[in-house]
Amino acid sequence: MAKKPLRFSTPYSDRTPGQVQVAYESLSLGQRLKLRFFGHVLIGIQTHSGWTGSLPLYLVYCHGHGIGETHPQGYENHIVCPSCRLVIPTY
């Protein structure tokens, strides 16, 4: 059974690397495997007061920078490494 996504009210850019590590440590084994094999895994939904919608939040694995946190970018909703802007393919 899949875990229910977390809800975040803090922008991902305001979270510290320690908080990203805590998010990684809270992943299930299946989510960790998905992160390692596919390069990304959904960890929650980000909402703010005044927003009409929500934004999915992903942990990503970059071979150069390790684990990072980001949301889909652009019209095609591709996922990129927050450090080097490398596009991580979504299958």
C-alpha atoms as a PDB file:
ATOM      1  CA  MET A   1       0.000   0.000   0.000  1.00  0.00           C
ATOM      2  CA  ALA A   2       1.408   3.412  -0.997  1.00  0.00           C
ATOM      3  CA  LYS A   3       2.075   6.004   1.651  1.00  0.00           C
ATOM      4  CA  LYS A   4      -0.118   9.113   1.580  1.00  0.00           C
ATOM      5  CA  PRO A   5       1.908  12.142   0.346  1.00  0.00           C
ATOM      6  CA  LEU A   6       2.906  14.666   2.991  1.00  0.00           C
ATOM      7  CA  ARG A   7       1.593  18.226   2.851  1.00  0.00           C
ATOM      8  CA  PHE A   8       4.129  21.077   3.082  1.00  0.00           C
ATOM      9  CA  SER A   9       3.424  24.744   3.720  1.00  0.00           C
ATOM     10  CA  THR A  10       7.102  25.800   3.733  1.00  0.00           C
ATOM     11  CA  PRO A  11       8.636  26.517   0.314  1.00  0.00           C
ATOM     12  CA  TYR A  12      11.165  23.817  -0.558  1.00  0.00           C
ATOM     13  CA  SER A  13      13.839  26.496  -1.118  1.00  0.00           C
ATOM     14  CA  ASP A  14      13.527  27.522   2.561  1.00  0.00           C
ATOM     15  CA  ARG A  15      14.212  24.038   3.905  1.00  0.00           C
ATOM     16  CA  THR A  16      17.691  23.109   5.068  1.00  0.00           C
ATOM     17  CA  PRO A  17      19.771  20.141   3.811  1.00  0.00           C
ATOM     18  CA  GLY A  18      19.093  18.508   7.183  1.00  0.00           C
ATOM     19  CA  GLN A  19      15.366  18.647   6.511  1.00  0.00           C
ATOM     20  CA  VAL A  20      15.933  17.085   3.073  1.00  0.00           C
ATOM     21  CA  GLN A  21      17.886  14.295   4.796  1.00  0.00           C
ATOM     22  CA  VAL A  22      14.989  13.742   7.221  1.00  0.00           C
ATOM     23  CA  ALA A  23      12.615  13.503   4.235  1.00  0.00           C
ATOM     24  CA  TYR A  24      14.953  10.890   2.678  1.00  0.00           C
ATOM     25  CA  GLU A  25      15.140   8.878   5.888  1.00  0.00           C
ATOM     26  CA  SER A  26      11.344   8.766   6.133  1.00  0.00           C
ATOM     27  CA  LEU A  27      11.006   7.040   2.726  1.00  0.00           C
ATOM     28  CA  SER A  28       9.841   3.459   2.590  1.00  0.00           C
ATOM     29  CA  LEU A  29      12.074   0.807   0.999  1.00  0.00           C
ATOM     30  CA  GLY A  30       9.978   0.906  -2.182  1.00  0.00           C
ATOM     31  CA  GLN A  31      10.297   4.694  -2.410  1.00  0.00           C
ATOM     32  CA  ARG A  32      14.075   4.511  -1.892  1.00  0.00           C
ATOM     33  CA  LEU A  33      14.363   1.940  -4.674  1.00  0.00           C
ATOM     34  CA  LYS A  34      12.227   4.099  -6.965  1.00  0.00           C
ATOM     35  CA  LEU A  35      14.443   7.099  -6.159  1.00  0.00           C
ATOM     36  CA  ARG A  36      17.582   5.122  -6.958  1.00  0.00           C
ATOM     37  CA  PHE A  37      16.309   3.514 -10.186  1.00  0.00           C
ATOM     38  CA  PHE A  38      14.140   6.299 -11.625  1.00  0.00           C
ATOM     39  CA  GLY A  39      15.906   9.339 -10.134  1.00  0.00           C
ATOM     40  CA  HIS A  40      12.837  10.846  -8.475  1.00  0.00           C
ATOM     41  CA  VAL A  41      10.067  10.034  -6.019  1.00  0.00           C
ATOM     42  CA  LEU A  42       6.998  12.002  -4.924  1.00  0.00           C
ATOM     43  CA  ILE A  43       7.300  12.974  -1.261  1.00  0.00           C
ATOM     44  CA  GLY A  44       4.422  15.378  -0.804  1.00  0.00           C
ATOM     45  CA  ILE A  45       2.160  18.154  -1.947  1.00  0.00           C
ATOM     46  CA  GLN A  46       3.060  21.815  -1.398  1.00  0.00           C
ATOM     47  CA  THR A  47       0.323  24.374  -0.760  1.00  0.00           C
ATOM     48  CA  HIS A  48       0.307  27.979   0.437  1.00  0.00           C
ATOM     49  CA  SER A  49      -2.395  30.264   1.702  1.00  0.00           C
ATOM     50  CA  GLY A  50      -3.847  32.130  -1.235  1.00  0.00           C
ATOM     51  CA  TRP A  51      -3.024  29.380  -3.757  1.00  0.00           C
ATOM     52  CA  THR A  52      -5.892  27.891  -5.720  1.00  0.00           C
ATOM     53  CA  GLY A  53      -4.029  24.646  -6.332  1.00  0.00           C
ATOM     54  CA  SER A  54      -1.154  22.574  -5.080  1.00  0.00           C
ATOM     55  CA  LEU A  55       2.281  21.596  -6.336  1.00  0.00           C
ATOM     56  CA  PRO A  56       3.823  18.101  -6.168  1.00  0.00           C
ATOM     57  CA  LEU A  57       7.166  17.934  -4.389  1.00  0.00           C
ATOM     58  CA  TYR A  58       9.838  15.375  -5.329  1.00  0.00           C
ATOM     59  CA  LEU A  59      13.097  14.082  -3.923  1.00  0.00           C
ATOM     60  CA  VAL A  60      15.562  13.682  -6.780  1.00  0.00           C
ATOM     61  CA  TYR A  61      18.837  11.806  -7.073  1.00  0.00           C
ATOM     62  CA  CYS A  62      21.602  13.491  -9.085  1.00  0.00           C
ATOM     63  CA  HIS A  63      24.836  11.564  -9.690  1.00  0.00           C
ATOM     64  CA  GLY A  64      26.808  14.770  -9.148  1.00  0.00           C
ATOM     65  CA  HIS A  65      25.013  16.262  -6.149  1.00  0.00           C
ATOM     66  CA  GLY A  66      23.223  13.414  -4.386  1.00  0.00           C
ATOM     67  CA  ILE A  67      19.735  13.932  -2.945  1.00  0.00           C
ATOM     68  CA  GLY A  68      17.818  17.155  -3.563  1.00  0.00           C
ATOM     69  CA  GLU A  69      14.277  18.429  -3.378  1.00  0.00           C
ATOM     70  CA  THR A  70      12.355  20.067  -6.235  1.00  0.00           C
ATOM     71  CA  HIS A  71       9.036  20.450  -8.001  1.00  0.00           C
ATOM     72  CA  PRO A  72       8.180  19.931 -11.705  1.00  0.00           C
ATOM     73  CA  GLN A  73       9.457  22.697 -14.001  1.00  0.00           C
ATOM     74  CA  GLY A  74       8.006  24.262 -17.134  1.00  0.00           C
ATOM     75  CA  TYR A  75       5.025  23.354 -19.286  1.00  0.00           C
ATOM     76  CA  GLU A  76       6.226  19.770 -19.697  1.00  0.00           C
ATOM     77  CA  ASN A  77       6.614  19.315 -15.922  1.00  0.00           C
ATOM     78  CA  HIS A  78      10.122  17.899 -16.208  1.00  0.00           C
ATOM     79  CA  ILE A  79      12.161  17.373 -13.055  1.00  0.00           C
ATOM     80  CA  VAL A  80      15.614  18.936 -12.679  1.00  0.00           C
ATOM     81  CA  CYS A  81      18.421  18.762 -10.127  1.00  0.00           C
ATOM     82  CA  PRO A  82      18.116  21.893  -7.968  1.00  0.00           C
ATOM     83  CA  SER A  83      21.927  22.323  -7.903  1.00  0.00           C
ATOM     84  CA  CYS A  84      23.068  21.804 -11.496  1.00  0.00           C
ATOM     85  CA  ARG A  85      19.742  22.022 -13.397  1.00  0.00           C
ATOM     86  CA  LEU A  86      20.340  18.593 -15.001  1.00  0.00           C
ATOM     87  CA  VAL A  87      17.053  17.210 -16.354  1.00  0.00           C
ATOM     88  CA  ILE A  88      16.133  13.918 -14.690  1.00  0.00           C
ATOM     89  CA  PRO A  89      14.109  11.797 -17.097  1.00  0.00           C
ATOM     90  CA  THR A  90      10.587  10.844 -16.078  1.00  0.00           C
ATOM     91  CA  TYR A  91       9.426   7.476 -17.365  1.00  0.00           C
END
